[in-house]
Structures are given as C-alpha cells and as structure tokens.
Amino acid sequence: MREFVEADLRRAFEESLGGLPSDVRAEPYVIRGAAGPALVQTANRRSDLLVIGAGGRGRVRHALRAETARYCLADAAC
C-alpha cells in the first residue's frame, strides 16, 4: 500500500510542478494520520517549511483545509 501512495505523491509533483525542484532540497515523505497532527509532528524543526495546498473547491473540503491550516498555524514549530 505504501508503494502506491508514494507513487501517487511522485506523480502529483510531476503533474503539478514538473517534478521535484532541483534547486531546493525536498524530501517527499508519506505518513498516516489526522492531517494537522501528522503535519505538525513531521515539520517539527524551525527550519522546516510546511506548505498546505488549496486543493479542490467545495464547502466540506474548504472546512477541512481551514481546520488543518489553523491547527498547523497554532502548533507548528516551523
């Protein structure tokens, strides 16, 4: 299962950005858990960069993104 998820992540970078950036150190990393806590635990150093995308439209998705963004903003060390 993890291999499929990692392949999806690589494909997302390819489709949206043309691949991983060559001039910035990027480490794609797949974890499982609730979005906010999982992101905060992973980006736990002040030098980390945490980017939360806009994703698709819709009230439910917007509400979930907003909740995750607020959680990360309040609790992330980076």
Protein backbone atom coordinates (compact mmCIF):
# COMPACT_ATOMS: atom_id res chain seq x y z
CA MET A 1 0.00 0.00 0.00
CA ARG A 2 2.76 2.44 0.91
CA GLU A 3 4.37 1.99 -2.52
CA PHE A 4 1.13 3.09 -4.22
CA VAL A 5 0.84 6.17 -2.02
CA GLU A 6 4.47 7.12 -2.64
CA ALA A 7 3.91 6.69 -6.40
CA ASP A 8 0.87 8.99 -6.14
CA LEU A 9 2.98 11.59 -4.35
CA ARG A 10 5.68 11.47 -7.04
CA ARG A 11 3.01 11.71 -9.75
CA ALA A 12 1.45 14.74 -8.02
CA PHE A 13 4.81 16.54 -8.07
CA GLU A 14 5.29 15.63 -11.73
CA GLU A 15 1.83 16.80 -12.78
CA SER A 16 1.75 20.00 -10.74
CA LEU A 17 5.37 21.16 -10.76
CA GLY A 18 7.09 19.13 -13.46
CA GLY A 19 8.91 17.11 -10.79
CA LEU A 20 10.77 17.80 -7.58
CA PRO A 21 12.66 21.10 -7.59
CA SER A 22 16.35 20.69 -8.36
CA ASP A 23 17.44 23.89 -6.60
CA VAL A 24 15.68 23.19 -3.29
CA ARG A 25 16.21 20.23 -1.01
CA ALA A 26 12.87 18.43 -0.93
CA GLU A 27 12.15 15.12 0.77
CA PRO A 28 8.77 13.65 -0.14
CA TYR A 29 7.53 11.76 2.88
CA VAL A 30 4.36 9.72 3.33
CA ILE A 31 2.82 9.39 6.79
CA ARG A 32 -0.52 8.20 8.05
CA GLY A 33 -2.75 10.04 10.49
CA ALA A 34 -5.00 13.02 11.00
CA ALA A 35 -3.74 15.83 8.78
CA GLY A 36 -3.00 18.55 11.34
CA PRO A 37 -1.17 16.49 13.97
CA ALA A 38 0.68 14.44 11.32
CA LEU A 39 1.93 17.58 9.55
CA VAL A 40 2.97 19.27 12.81
CA GLN A 41 4.83 16.18 14.04
CA THR A 42 6.65 15.85 10.72
CA ALA A 43 7.59 19.51 10.24
CA ASN A 44 8.88 19.82 13.78
CA ARG A 45 12.02 21.93 13.28
CA ARG A 46 12.11 25.70 12.99
CA SER A 47 13.95 25.36 9.67
CA ASP A 48 11.22 23.15 8.12
CA LEU A 49 8.80 24.56 5.59
CA LEU A 50 5.19 23.44 5.77
CA VAL A 51 3.03 24.20 2.74
CA ILE A 52 -0.69 23.50 2.79
CA GLY A 53 -2.26 23.49 -0.66
CA ALA A 54 -5.60 24.90 -1.71
CA GLY A 55 -6.86 21.60 -3.13
CA GLY A 56 -10.31 21.28 -4.66
CA ARG A 57 -13.30 23.50 -4.09
CA GLY A 58 -16.35 22.77 -2.03
CA ARG A 59 -17.65 23.61 1.42
CA VAL A 60 -16.60 20.38 3.11
CA ARG A 61 -13.11 20.43 1.63
CA HIS A 62 -12.74 24.11 2.49
CA ALA A 63 -13.77 23.46 6.08
CA LEU A 64 -11.31 20.58 6.43
CA ARG A 65 -8.46 22.59 4.92
CA ALA A 66 -9.23 25.57 7.15
CA GLU A 67 -9.26 23.34 10.25
CA THR A 68 -5.92 21.78 9.26
CA ALA A 69 -4.38 25.15 8.44
CA ARG A 70 -5.49 26.64 11.79
CA TYR A 71 -4.14 23.62 13.66
CA CYS A 72 -0.76 23.89 11.91
CA LEU A 73 -0.59 27.65 12.36
CA ALA A 74 -1.20 27.30 16.09
CA ASP A 75 1.01 24.29 16.79
CA ALA A 76 3.81 24.01 14.19
CA ALA A 77 7.36 24.84 15.24
CA CYS A 78 8.30 25.98 11.73
